[in-house]
Amino acid sequence: MAYRVLVVDDEADLVRTVRAYLEESGYEVLTAPNGREALFVARQQQPDLLILDLMMPEMDGWEAARLIRRESKVPFIMLTARIEDVDKIAALEMG
């Protein structure tokens, strides 16, 4: 059984690249272009890991992470260009 990873980012090129690396390593890869779609996919497919961009249209990664965390303890890897300590602390506090 392959582990299921949900990659969430609005940059299609980045998603394709991450997907290619993960699939080459034997993971099943699900994708979503924004937080709203990520919430839907996470509920339906129950991934083992989320790789989540924080700055996206419609619903950002922060809000998606908060909502997903209410329902699941799935681990997150957050993708972001933000480097402020307050952002790192907020992500760690989210679990």
C-alpha atoms as a PDB file:
ATOM      1  CA  MET A   1       0.000   0.000   0.000  1.00  0.00           C
ATOM      2  CA  ALA A   2       1.412   3.377  -1.016  1.00  0.00           C
ATOM      3  CA  TYR A   3       1.173   6.316   1.322  1.00  0.00           C
ATOM      4  CA  ARG A   4      -1.214   8.991   0.071  1.00  0.00           C
ATOM      5  CA  VAL A   5       0.072  12.586  -0.089  1.00  0.00           C
ATOM      6  CA  LEU A   6      -2.117  15.623  -0.820  1.00  0.00           C
ATOM      7  CA  VAL A   7      -0.183  18.444  -2.510  1.00  0.00           C
ATOM      8  CA  VAL A   8      -1.983  21.794  -2.309  1.00  0.00           C
ATOM      9  CA  ASP A   9      -0.692  24.781  -4.260  1.00  0.00           C
ATOM     10  CA  ASP A  10      -2.053  27.223  -6.826  1.00  0.00           C
ATOM     11  CA  GLU A  11       1.170  27.080  -8.875  1.00  0.00           C
ATOM     12  CA  ALA A  12       0.591  24.232 -11.332  1.00  0.00           C
ATOM     13  CA  ASP A  13       4.275  23.898 -12.281  1.00  0.00           C
ATOM     14  CA  LEU A  14       5.269  23.404  -8.653  1.00  0.00           C
ATOM     15  CA  VAL A  15       2.521  20.831  -8.146  1.00  0.00           C
ATOM     16  CA  ARG A  16       3.665  18.892 -11.231  1.00  0.00           C
ATOM     17  CA  THR A  17       7.263  18.870 -10.014  1.00  0.00           C
ATOM     18  CA  VAL A  18       6.417  17.759  -6.466  1.00  0.00           C
ATOM     19  CA  ARG A  19       4.013  15.148  -7.838  1.00  0.00           C
ATOM     20  CA  ALA A  20       6.688  13.709 -10.150  1.00  0.00           C
ATOM     21  CA  TYR A  21       9.220  13.348  -7.330  1.00  0.00           C
ATOM     22  CA  LEU A  22       6.712  11.790  -4.953  1.00  0.00           C
ATOM     23  CA  GLU A  23       5.308   9.348  -7.504  1.00  0.00           C
ATOM     24  CA  GLU A  24       8.836   8.338  -8.495  1.00  0.00           C
ATOM     25  CA  SER A  25       9.391   7.504  -4.823  1.00  0.00           C
ATOM     26  CA  GLY A  26       6.277   5.315  -4.709  1.00  0.00           C
ATOM     27  CA  TYR A  27       3.709   7.653  -3.150  1.00  0.00           C
ATOM     28  CA  GLU A  28       0.134   8.048  -4.317  1.00  0.00           C
ATOM     29  CA  VAL A  29      -0.341  11.765  -4.993  1.00  0.00           C
ATOM     30  CA  LEU A  30      -3.547  13.776  -4.762  1.00  0.00           C
ATOM     31  CA  THR A  31      -3.633  17.458  -5.665  1.00  0.00           C
ATOM     32  CA  ALA A  32      -5.732  20.540  -5.018  1.00  0.00           C
ATOM     33  CA  PRO A  33      -5.295  24.115  -6.348  1.00  0.00           C
ATOM     34  CA  ASN A  34      -6.584  25.914  -3.232  1.00  0.00           C
ATOM     35  CA  GLY A  35      -7.599  25.455   0.374  1.00  0.00           C
ATOM     36  CA  ARG A  36     -11.275  24.927  -0.348  1.00  0.00           C
ATOM     37  CA  GLU A  37     -10.551  22.028  -2.695  1.00  0.00           C
ATOM     38  CA  ALA A  38      -7.935  20.680  -0.255  1.00  0.00           C
ATOM     39  CA  LEU A  39     -10.573  20.483   2.462  1.00  0.00           C
ATOM     40  CA  PHE A  40     -12.866  18.496   0.164  1.00  0.00           C
ATOM     41  CA  VAL A  41     -10.106  16.119  -0.994  1.00  0.00           C
ATOM     42  CA  ALA A  42      -8.793  15.614   2.547  1.00  0.00           C
ATOM     43  CA  ARG A  43     -12.260  14.676   3.780  1.00  0.00           C
ATOM     44  CA  GLN A  44     -12.910  12.278   0.898  1.00  0.00           C
ATOM     45  CA  GLN A  45      -9.483  10.665   0.464  1.00  0.00           C
ATOM     46  CA  GLN A  46      -7.964  10.874   3.977  1.00  0.00           C
ATOM     47  CA  PRO A  47      -4.328  11.409   2.954  1.00  0.00           C
ATOM     48  CA  ASP A  48      -1.401  10.348   5.133  1.00  0.00           C
ATOM     49  CA  LEU A  49       0.394  13.694   4.639  1.00  0.00           C
ATOM     50  CA  LEU A  50      -0.441  17.186   3.362  1.00  0.00           C
ATOM     51  CA  ILE A  51       2.041  19.440   1.602  1.00  0.00           C
ATOM     52  CA  LEU A  52       0.290  22.780   1.830  1.00  0.00           C
ATOM     53  CA  ASP A  53       1.020  26.232   0.401  1.00  0.00           C
ATOM     54  CA  LEU A  54      -0.014  29.004   2.757  1.00  0.00           C
ATOM     55  CA  MET A  55      -0.751  31.774   0.258  1.00  0.00           C
ATOM     56  CA  MET A  56      -3.489  30.719  -2.174  1.00  0.00           C
ATOM     57  CA  PRO A  57      -6.697  32.194  -3.592  1.00  0.00           C
ATOM     58  CA  GLU A  58     -10.217  31.368  -2.377  1.00  0.00           C
ATOM     59  CA  MET A  59      -9.161  29.775   0.921  1.00  0.00           C
ATOM     60  CA  ASP A  60      -5.561  30.174   2.046  1.00  0.00           C
ATOM     61  CA  GLY A  61      -3.491  27.423   3.571  1.00  0.00           C
ATOM     62  CA  TRP A  62      -3.861  28.778   7.096  1.00  0.00           C
ATOM     63  CA  GLU A  63      -7.645  28.458   7.017  1.00  0.00           C
ATOM     64  CA  ALA A  64      -7.531  25.067   5.288  1.00  0.00           C
ATOM     65  CA  ALA A  65      -5.066  23.788   7.899  1.00  0.00           C
ATOM     66  CA  ARG A  66      -7.271  25.023  10.759  1.00  0.00           C
ATOM     67  CA  LEU A  67     -10.348  23.302   9.329  1.00  0.00           C
ATOM     68  CA  ILE A  68      -8.554  20.068   8.467  1.00  0.00           C
ATOM     69  CA  ARG A  69      -6.895  19.988  11.902  1.00  0.00           C
ATOM     70  CA  ARG A  70     -10.351  20.043  13.552  1.00  0.00           C
ATOM     71  CA  GLU A  71     -11.143  16.725  11.858  1.00  0.00           C
ATOM     72  CA  SER A  72      -7.791  15.009  11.485  1.00  0.00           C
ATOM     73  CA  LYS A  73      -4.318  14.657  12.943  1.00  0.00           C
ATOM     74  CA  VAL A  74      -2.764  14.248   9.489  1.00  0.00           C
ATOM     75  CA  PRO A  75       0.739  15.773   9.446  1.00  0.00           C
ATOM     76  CA  PHE A  76       1.414  18.907   7.379  1.00  0.00           C
ATOM     77  CA  ILE A  77       4.435  20.230   5.565  1.00  0.00           C
ATOM     78  CA  MET A  78       3.849  23.923   4.968  1.00  0.00           C
ATOM     79  CA  LEU A  79       5.191  25.579   1.819  1.00  0.00           C
ATOM     80  CA  THR A  80       5.685  29.293   2.038  1.00  0.00           C
ATOM     81  CA  ALA A  81       7.903  32.165   1.032  1.00  0.00           C
ATOM     82  CA  ARG A  82       7.113  33.795   4.370  1.00  0.00           C
ATOM     83  CA  ILE A  83      10.059  33.837   6.757  1.00  0.00           C
ATOM     84  CA  GLU A  84       8.742  35.755   9.744  1.00  0.00           C
ATOM     85  CA  ASP A  85       9.123  34.028  13.116  1.00  0.00           C
ATOM     86  CA  VAL A  86       5.463  34.719  13.906  1.00  0.00           C
ATOM     87  CA  ASP A  87       4.443  32.604  10.881  1.00  0.00           C
ATOM     88  CA  LYS A  88       6.681  29.734  11.991  1.00  0.00           C
ATOM     89  CA  ILE A  89       5.289  29.898  15.513  1.00  0.00           C
ATOM     90  CA  ALA A  90       1.691  29.951  14.255  1.00  0.00           C
ATOM     91  CA  ALA A  91       2.347  26.886  12.097  1.00  0.00           C
ATOM     92  CA  LEU A  92       3.944  24.992  14.966  1.00  0.00           C
ATOM     93  CA  GLU A  93       1.095  25.881  17.324  1.00  0.00           C
ATOM     94  CA  MET A  94      -1.361  24.531  14.775  1.00  0.00           C
ATOM     95  CA  GLY A  95       0.269  21.133  15.162  1.00  0.00           C
END
